[in-house]
Amino acid sequence: MLSQPRPIEYPTSDGVPLGETDTHRNQIIDLIGALEDLFSDSPDVYVSGNLLMLYEEGNRNAHRSPDVLVALGVAKKARDHYLIWEEGKAPDFIIEVTSKSTRLEDIGEKKGLYAALGVREYVIFDPLRDYLEPQLKMYRLEQGEYVPVIGEPLQSTVLNLDLKIMESRLRLVDRRTGELLSTREETRMRAQRETAARTAAEAALAQAEEAFALERAALLAEVERLRGLRSD
């Protein structure tokens, strides 16, 4: 009896850390968090980043690890890696937070690969202004090739978002509402402020109720005193 071939175990990491600097890492985390929150109610939108994406079945070495990726029409679930042949498609939107050490890949090999795989929009952002001019570039797939997206702000037709640089950070704006997508830290701080405001309001209400009760008790006592005087 012929033995069945052992299934290929694909890698789950390329050994490259998440971001070269704190600036790169924090930017990646902020973008992933903002996109996850935006699509939190969409079961068929998958958001991830720094996840190994393999693109040739049977080839353990054919992989890249996009900093940020969004795949539309793909189930939202935890993954060890993104296998394009199993998912049935490449991600629709990818962001690379670039630097001098990754520039050759980001503007060269990755750009060509992502176009060949069918990634509909590709964004490159250079947060430290190491080399990219302008520091934010976007490409859209047209007839199998990437065409630069022009405009201010840059617009993602795939995600219906505007991309803006604000205080040296790449931020995302919901084009339907005009609202800036919050980072997880901003969401946490806003929740803290709302909790503090609610606690202060509750304390003020309790204090007012206590003062009212004291005034009412004093008034009732005065009424009883006056009644006592009359009866005398």
C-alpha atoms as a PDB file:
ATOM      1  CA  MET A   1       0.000   0.000   0.000  1.00  0.00           C
ATOM      2  CA  LEU A   2       1.334   3.401  -0.968  1.00  0.00           C
ATOM      3  CA  SER A   3       1.742   5.739   1.948  1.00  0.00           C
ATOM      4  CA  GLN A   4      -0.132   9.019   1.836  1.00  0.00           C
ATOM      5  CA  PRO A   5       2.112  12.065   1.432  1.00  0.00           C
ATOM      6  CA  ARG A   6       2.465  14.043   4.619  1.00  0.00           C
ATOM      7  CA  PRO A   7       0.670  17.398   4.503  1.00  0.00           C
ATOM      8  CA  ILE A   8       2.917  20.393   4.193  1.00  0.00           C
ATOM      9  CA  GLU A   9       3.288  22.408   7.356  1.00  0.00           C
ATOM     10  CA  TYR A  10       3.500  26.030   6.361  1.00  0.00           C
ATOM     11  CA  PRO A  11       5.437  28.490   8.527  1.00  0.00           C
ATOM     12  CA  THR A  12       3.615  30.965  10.761  1.00  0.00           C
ATOM     13  CA  SER A  13       6.403  33.517  11.159  1.00  0.00           C
ATOM     14  CA  ASP A  14       9.203  35.006   9.097  1.00  0.00           C
ATOM     15  CA  GLY A  15      11.153  35.977  12.206  1.00  0.00           C
ATOM     16  CA  VAL A  16      10.902  39.692  11.427  1.00  0.00           C
ATOM     17  CA  PRO A  17       9.715  41.820  14.379  1.00  0.00           C
ATOM     18  CA  LEU A  18       6.635  44.020  14.209  1.00  0.00           C
ATOM     19  CA  GLY A  19       8.096  47.360  13.109  1.00  0.00           C
ATOM     20  CA  GLU A  20      11.713  48.454  13.218  1.00  0.00           C
ATOM     21  CA  THR A  21      11.173  51.317  15.662  1.00  0.00           C
ATOM     22  CA  ASP A  22       8.559  52.287  18.229  1.00  0.00           C
ATOM     23  CA  THR A  23       7.188  54.719  15.639  1.00  0.00           C
ATOM     24  CA  HIS A  24       6.763  51.969  13.043  1.00  0.00           C
ATOM     25  CA  ARG A  25       5.307  49.491  15.529  1.00  0.00           C
ATOM     26  CA  ASN A  26       2.846  51.961  17.030  1.00  0.00           C
ATOM     27  CA  GLN A  27       1.726  53.112  13.592  1.00  0.00           C
ATOM     28  CA  ILE A  28       1.029  49.535  12.519  1.00  0.00           C
ATOM     29  CA  ILE A  29      -0.861  48.749  15.729  1.00  0.00           C
ATOM     30  CA  ASP A  30      -2.942  51.931  15.420  1.00  0.00           C
ATOM     31  CA  LEU A  31      -3.928  51.168  11.831  1.00  0.00           C
ATOM     32  CA  ILE A  32      -4.856  47.559  12.556  1.00  0.00           C
ATOM     33  CA  GLY A  33      -6.895  48.567  15.605  1.00  0.00           C
ATOM     34  CA  ALA A  34      -8.745  51.329  13.747  1.00  0.00           C
ATOM     35  CA  LEU A  35      -9.636  48.996  10.871  1.00  0.00           C
ATOM     36  CA  GLU A  36     -10.671  46.176  13.199  1.00  0.00           C
ATOM     37  CA  ASP A  37     -13.006  48.548  15.029  1.00  0.00           C
ATOM     38  CA  LEU A  38     -14.403  49.907  11.743  1.00  0.00           C
ATOM     39  CA  PHE A  39     -15.311  46.418  10.527  1.00  0.00           C
ATOM     40  CA  SER A  40     -16.117  44.896  13.919  1.00  0.00           C
ATOM     41  CA  ASP A  41     -19.724  44.202  12.885  1.00  0.00           C
ATOM     42  CA  SER A  42     -18.807  42.728   9.484  1.00  0.00           C
ATOM     43  CA  PRO A  43     -18.340  38.938   9.732  1.00  0.00           C
ATOM     44  CA  ASP A  44     -16.931  38.742   6.211  1.00  0.00           C
ATOM     45  CA  VAL A  45     -14.179  41.354   6.515  1.00  0.00           C
ATOM     46  CA  TYR A  46     -10.826  40.101   7.799  1.00  0.00           C
ATOM     47  CA  VAL A  47      -8.307  42.588   9.180  1.00  0.00           C
ATOM     48  CA  SER A  48      -4.812  41.625  10.272  1.00  0.00           C
ATOM     49  CA  GLY A  49      -1.177  42.625  10.097  1.00  0.00           C
ATOM     50  CA  ASN A  50       2.315  41.207  10.348  1.00  0.00           C
ATOM     51  CA  LEU A  51       0.709  37.872   9.454  1.00  0.00           C
ATOM     52  CA  LEU A  52       2.500  35.495   7.133  1.00  0.00           C
ATOM     53  CA  MET A  53       0.747  35.442   3.741  1.00  0.00           C
ATOM     54  CA  LEU A  54       1.664  32.433   1.586  1.00  0.00           C
ATOM     55  CA  TYR A  55       0.858  32.617  -2.110  1.00  0.00           C
ATOM     56  CA  GLU A  56       2.104  29.351  -3.724  1.00  0.00           C
ATOM     57  CA  GLU A  57       0.572  26.092  -2.563  1.00  0.00           C
ATOM     58  CA  GLY A  58       3.313  23.622  -1.718  1.00  0.00           C
ATOM     59  CA  ASN A  59       6.034  26.255  -1.464  1.00  0.00           C
ATOM     60  CA  ARG A  60       6.908  27.022   2.167  1.00  0.00           C
ATOM     61  CA  ASN A  61       9.196  29.871   1.112  1.00  0.00           C
ATOM     62  CA  ALA A  62       6.718  31.805  -1.030  1.00  0.00           C
ATOM     63  CA  HIS A  63       5.476  34.239   1.560  1.00  0.00           C
ATOM     64  CA  ARG A  64       5.375  37.860   2.627  1.00  0.00           C
ATOM     65  CA  SER A  65       4.149  39.485   5.828  1.00  0.00           C
ATOM     66  CA  PRO A  66       2.182  42.691   5.099  1.00  0.00           C
ATOM     67  CA  ASP A  67       2.172  45.233   7.907  1.00  0.00           C
ATOM     68  CA  VAL A  68      -1.580  45.783   7.514  1.00  0.00           C
ATOM     69  CA  LEU A  69      -4.047  43.839   5.387  1.00  0.00           C
ATOM     70  CA  VAL A  70      -7.788  43.853   4.779  1.00  0.00           C
ATOM     71  CA  ALA A  71      -9.583  41.070   2.915  1.00  0.00           C
ATOM     72  CA  LEU A  72     -13.215  41.626   1.919  1.00  0.00           C
ATOM     73  CA  GLY A  73     -15.499  38.632   1.591  1.00  0.00           C
ATOM     74  CA  VAL A  74     -13.231  36.570   3.846  1.00  0.00           C
ATOM     75  CA  ALA A  75     -14.459  35.149   7.150  1.00  0.00           C
ATOM     76  CA  LYS A  76     -13.430  36.987  10.298  1.00  0.00           C
ATOM     77  CA  LYS A  77     -11.587  34.372  12.381  1.00  0.00           C
ATOM     78  CA  ALA A  78      -8.220  33.816  14.007  1.00  0.00           C
ATOM     79  CA  ARG A  79      -5.559  32.486  11.631  1.00  0.00           C
ATOM     80  CA  ASP A  80      -2.006  31.193  11.982  1.00  0.00           C
ATOM     81  CA  HIS A  81      -1.264  32.408   8.461  1.00  0.00           C
ATOM     82  CA  TYR A  82      -3.106  33.573   5.346  1.00  0.00           C
ATOM     83  CA  LEU A  83      -3.066  30.914   2.623  1.00  0.00           C
ATOM     84  CA  ILE A  84      -4.284  32.595  -0.544  1.00  0.00           C
ATOM     85  CA  TRP A  85      -5.301  29.344  -2.273  1.00  0.00           C
ATOM     86  CA  GLU A  86      -7.464  28.355   0.689  1.00  0.00           C
ATOM     87  CA  GLU A  87      -9.038  31.779   1.184  1.00  0.00           C
ATOM     88  CA  GLY A  88      -9.725  31.985  -2.546  1.00  0.00           C
ATOM     89  CA  LYS A  89      -8.239  35.460  -2.960  1.00  0.00           C
ATOM     90  CA  ALA A  90      -5.478  37.820  -1.936  1.00  0.00           C
ATOM     91  CA  PRO A  91      -6.183  40.671   0.473  1.00  0.00           C
ATOM     92  CA  ASP A  92      -7.899  43.641  -1.171  1.00  0.00           C
ATOM     93  CA  PHE A  93      -5.921  46.321   0.665  1.00  0.00           C
ATOM     94  CA  ILE A  94      -2.379  46.341   2.043  1.00  0.00           C
ATOM     95  CA  ILE A  95      -0.309  48.981   3.860  1.00  0.00           C
ATOM     96  CA  GLU A  96       3.435  48.753   4.323  1.00  0.00           C
ATOM     97  CA  VAL A  97       4.996  51.089   6.923  1.00  0.00           C
ATOM     98  CA  THR A  98       8.320  51.501   5.223  1.00  0.00           C
ATOM     99  CA  SER A  99      11.879  52.500   6.138  1.00  0.00           C
ATOM    100  CA  LYS A 100      15.291  52.745   4.501  1.00  0.00           C
ATOM    101  CA  SER A 101      16.048  49.106   5.233  1.00  0.00           C
ATOM    102  CA  THR A 102      12.833  47.845   3.588  1.00  0.00           C
ATOM    103  CA  ARG A 103      12.557  50.365   0.743  1.00  0.00           C
ATOM    104  CA  LEU A 104      13.831  48.057  -2.003  1.00  0.00           C
ATOM    105  CA  GLU A 105      11.211  45.468  -1.100  1.00  0.00           C
ATOM    106  CA  ASP A 106       8.370  47.883  -0.473  1.00  0.00           C
ATOM    107  CA  ILE A 107       8.666  49.936  -3.662  1.00  0.00           C
ATOM    108  CA  GLY A 108      10.047  47.114  -5.780  1.00  0.00           C
ATOM    109  CA  GLU A 109       9.517  43.401  -5.241  1.00  0.00           C
ATOM    110  CA  LYS A 110       6.453  43.647  -2.984  1.00  0.00           C
ATOM    111  CA  LYS A 111       4.783  46.148  -5.261  1.00  0.00           C
ATOM    112  CA  GLY A 112       5.144  43.829  -8.227  1.00  0.00           C
ATOM    113  CA  LEU A 113       4.105  40.773  -6.240  1.00  0.00           C
ATOM    114  CA  TYR A 114       1.002  42.386  -4.737  1.00  0.00           C
ATOM    115  CA  ALA A 115      -0.094  43.538  -8.185  1.00  0.00           C
ATOM    116  CA  ALA A 116       0.381  40.029  -9.584  1.00  0.00           C
ATOM    117  CA  LEU A 117      -1.602  38.536  -6.687  1.00  0.00           C
ATOM    118  CA  GLY A 118      -4.505  40.928  -7.284  1.00  0.00           C
ATOM    119  CA  VAL A 119      -4.221  43.222  -4.251  1.00  0.00           C
ATOM    120  CA  ARG A 120      -6.530  46.032  -5.352  1.00  0.00           C
ATOM    121  CA  GLU A 121      -4.914  48.874  -3.409  1.00  0.00           C
ATOM    122  CA  TYR A 122      -1.385  49.167  -2.054  1.00  0.00           C
ATOM    123  CA  VAL A 123      -0.282  51.924   0.328  1.00  0.00           C
ATOM    124  CA  ILE A 124       3.285  52.790   1.363  1.00  0.00           C
ATOM    125  CA  PHE A 125       3.883  55.145   4.295  1.00  0.00           C
ATOM    126  CA  ASP A 126       7.263  56.410   5.468  1.00  0.00           C
ATOM    127  CA  PRO A 127       6.612  57.778   8.996  1.00  0.00           C
ATOM    128  CA  LEU A 128      10.175  58.971   9.598  1.00  0.00           C
ATOM    129  CA  ARG A 129      10.617  60.459   6.113  1.00  0.00           C
ATOM    130  CA  ASP A 130      13.589  58.153   5.586  1.00  0.00           C
ATOM    131  CA  TYR A 131      13.405  58.224   1.792  1.00  0.00           C
ATOM    132  CA  LEU A 132       9.891  58.284   0.346  1.00  0.00           C
ATOM    133  CA  GLU A 133       8.733  61.538  -1.280  1.00  0.00           C
ATOM    134  CA  PRO A 134       5.949  62.217  -0.742  1.00  0.00           C
ATOM    135  CA  GLN A 135       5.994  60.144   2.413  1.00  0.00           C
ATOM    136  CA  LEU A 136       2.587  58.600   1.624  1.00  0.00           C
ATOM    137  CA  LYS A 137       1.946  56.861  -1.681  1.00  0.00           C
ATOM    138  CA  MET A 138      -0.985  54.804  -2.866  1.00  0.00           C
ATOM    139  CA  TYR A 139      -1.458  52.562  -5.884  1.00  0.00           C
ATOM    140  CA  ARG A 140      -4.632  51.124  -7.383  1.00  0.00           C
ATOM    141  CA  LEU A 141      -4.751  48.022  -9.571  1.00  0.00           C
ATOM    142  CA  GLU A 142      -5.877  48.702 -13.117  1.00  0.00           C
ATOM    143  CA  GLN A 143      -5.653  46.010 -15.791  1.00  0.00           C
ATOM    144  CA  GLY A 144      -3.140  44.063 -13.738  1.00  0.00           C
ATOM    145  CA  GLU A 145      -0.798  46.978 -13.030  1.00  0.00           C
ATOM    146  CA  TYR A 146      -0.512  49.519 -10.251  1.00  0.00           C
ATOM    147  CA  VAL A 147      -1.386  53.099 -11.106  1.00  0.00           C
ATOM    148  CA  PRO A 148      -0.512  55.900  -8.667  1.00  0.00           C
ATOM    149  CA  VAL A 149      -3.504  57.424  -6.893  1.00  0.00           C
ATOM    150  CA  ILE A 150      -3.444  61.209  -7.040  1.00  0.00           C
ATOM    151  CA  GLY A 151      -5.300  63.628  -4.802  1.00  0.00           C
ATOM    152  CA  GLU A 152      -5.443  65.242  -1.402  1.00  0.00           C
ATOM    153  CA  PRO A 153      -6.426  63.393   0.604  1.00  0.00           C
ATOM    154  CA  LEU A 154      -5.720  60.035  -0.997  1.00  0.00           C
ATOM    155  CA  GLN A 155      -8.937  58.047  -1.295  1.00  0.00           C
ATOM    156  CA  SER A 156      -9.388  54.318  -0.907  1.00  0.00           C
ATOM    157  CA  THR A 157     -12.304  53.243  -3.071  1.00  0.00           C
ATOM    158  CA  VAL A 158     -11.931  49.691  -1.766  1.00  0.00           C
ATOM    159  CA  LEU A 159     -12.543  50.644   1.896  1.00  0.00           C
ATOM    160  CA  ASN A 160     -14.294  53.988   1.312  1.00  0.00           C
ATOM    161  CA  LEU A 161     -11.702  55.788   3.428  1.00  0.00           C
ATOM    162  CA  ASP A 162      -9.593  58.920   3.146  1.00  0.00           C
ATOM    163  CA  LEU A 163      -5.923  58.607   4.083  1.00  0.00           C
ATOM    164  CA  LYS A 164      -4.388  61.632   5.779  1.00  0.00           C
ATOM    165  CA  ILE A 165      -1.124  62.479   7.516  1.00  0.00           C
ATOM    166  CA  MET A 166      -1.907  64.200  10.798  1.00  0.00           C
ATOM    167  CA  GLU A 167       0.842  65.079  13.273  1.00  0.00           C
ATOM    168  CA  SER A 168       3.248  62.786  11.374  1.00  0.00           C
ATOM    169  CA  ARG A 169       0.868  59.816  11.687  1.00  0.00           C
ATOM    170  CA  LEU A 170      -1.150  58.096   8.991  1.00  0.00           C
ATOM    171  CA  ARG A 171      -4.822  58.417   9.927  1.00  0.00           C
ATOM    172  CA  LEU A 172      -7.966  57.048   8.328  1.00  0.00           C
ATOM    173  CA  VAL A 173     -11.227  58.926   7.826  1.00  0.00           C
ATOM    174  CA  ASP A 174     -14.604  57.310   7.113  1.00  0.00           C
ATOM    175  CA  ARG A 175     -15.762  59.005   3.907  1.00  0.00           C
ATOM    176  CA  ARG A 176     -19.421  58.236   4.657  1.00  0.00           C
ATOM    177  CA  THR A 177     -19.454  60.084   7.981  1.00  0.00           C
ATOM    178  CA  GLY A 178     -16.356  62.270   7.779  1.00  0.00           C
ATOM    179  CA  GLU A 179     -15.270  60.864  11.143  1.00  0.00           C
ATOM    180  CA  LEU A 180     -11.652  60.176  12.004  1.00  0.00           C
ATOM    181  CA  LEU A 181     -11.154  56.522  12.928  1.00  0.00           C
ATOM    182  CA  SER A 182      -9.948  56.338  16.502  1.00  0.00           C
ATOM    183  CA  THR A 183      -6.887  54.429  17.607  1.00  0.00           C
ATOM    184  CA  ARG A 184      -7.260  51.941  20.441  1.00  0.00           C
ATOM    185  CA  GLU A 185      -5.453  54.359  22.768  1.00  0.00           C
ATOM    186  CA  GLU A 186      -7.833  57.181  21.829  1.00  0.00           C
ATOM    187  CA  THR A 187     -10.803  54.882  22.373  1.00  0.00           C
ATOM    188  CA  ARG A 188      -9.430  53.855  25.774  1.00  0.00           C
ATOM    189  CA  MET A 189      -8.806  57.449  26.846  1.00  0.00           C
ATOM    190  CA  ARG A 190     -12.242  58.538  25.630  1.00  0.00           C
ATOM    191  CA  ALA A 191     -13.830  55.725  27.639  1.00  0.00           C
ATOM    192  CA  GLN A 192     -11.838  56.823  30.694  1.00  0.00           C
ATOM    193  CA  ARG A 193     -13.009  60.417  30.262  1.00  0.00           C
ATOM    194  CA  GLU A 194     -16.609  59.304  29.834  1.00  0.00           C
ATOM    195  CA  THR A 195     -16.370  57.114  32.934  1.00  0.00           C
ATOM    196  CA  ALA A 196     -14.823  59.964  34.931  1.00  0.00           C
ATOM    197  CA  ALA A 197     -17.511  62.386  33.732  1.00  0.00           C
ATOM    198  CA  ARG A 198     -20.268  59.906  34.577  1.00  0.00           C
ATOM    199  CA  THR A 199     -18.783  59.293  38.038  1.00  0.00           C
ATOM    200  CA  ALA A 200     -18.533  63.045  38.664  1.00  0.00           C
ATOM    201  CA  ALA A 201     -22.121  63.578  37.511  1.00  0.00           C
ATOM    202  CA  GLU A 202     -23.371  60.772  39.744  1.00  0.00           C
ATOM    203  CA  ALA A 203     -21.437  62.209  42.697  1.00  0.00           C
ATOM    204  CA  ALA A 204     -22.853  65.691  42.051  1.00  0.00           C
ATOM    205  CA  LEU A 205     -26.380  64.258  41.815  1.00  0.00           C
ATOM    206  CA  ALA A 206     -25.919  62.346  45.079  1.00  0.00           C
ATOM    207  CA  GLN A 207     -24.603  65.496  46.745  1.00  0.00           C
ATOM    208  CA  ALA A 208     -27.560  67.521  45.482  1.00  0.00           C
ATOM    209  CA  GLU A 209     -30.009  64.875  46.673  1.00  0.00           C
ATOM    210  CA  GLU A 210     -28.339  64.848  50.097  1.00  0.00           C
ATOM    211  CA  ALA A 211     -28.517  68.651  50.323  1.00  0.00           C
ATOM    212  CA  PHE A 212     -32.179  68.566  49.290  1.00  0.00           C
ATOM    213  CA  ALA A 213     -32.921  65.930  51.933  1.00  0.00           C
ATOM    214  CA  LEU A 214     -31.223  68.048  54.625  1.00  0.00           C
ATOM    215  CA  GLU A 215     -33.136  71.146  53.560  1.00  0.00           C
ATOM    216  CA  ARG A 216     -36.401  69.218  53.540  1.00  0.00           C
ATOM    217  CA  ALA A 217     -35.695  67.803  56.991  1.00  0.00           C
ATOM    218  CA  ALA A 218     -34.878  71.275  58.297  1.00  0.00           C
ATOM    219  CA  LEU A 219     -38.095  72.661  56.790  1.00  0.00           C
ATOM    220  CA  LEU A 220     -40.206  69.904  58.320  1.00  0.00           C
ATOM    221  CA  ALA A 221     -38.546  70.509  61.690  1.00  0.00           C
ATOM    222  CA  GLU A 222     -39.369  74.210  61.456  1.00  0.00           C
ATOM    223  CA  VAL A 223     -42.983  73.414  60.572  1.00  0.00           C
ATOM    224  CA  GLU A 224     -43.263  71.154  63.594  1.00  0.00           C
ATOM    225  CA  ARG A 225     -41.717  73.834  65.819  1.00  0.00           C
ATOM    226  CA  LEU A 226     -44.235  76.426  64.621  1.00  0.00           C
ATOM    227  CA  ARG A 227     -47.089  74.031  65.204  1.00  0.00           C
ATOM    228  CA  GLY A 228     -45.856  73.508  68.740  1.00  0.00           C
ATOM    229  CA  LEU A 229     -45.843  77.233  69.388  1.00  0.00           C
ATOM    230  CA  ARG A 230     -49.416  77.613  68.170  1.00  0.00           C
ATOM    231  CA  SER A 231     -50.672  74.775  70.321  1.00  0.00           C
ATOM    232  CA  ASP A 232     -49.143  76.439  73.337  1.00  0.00           C
END
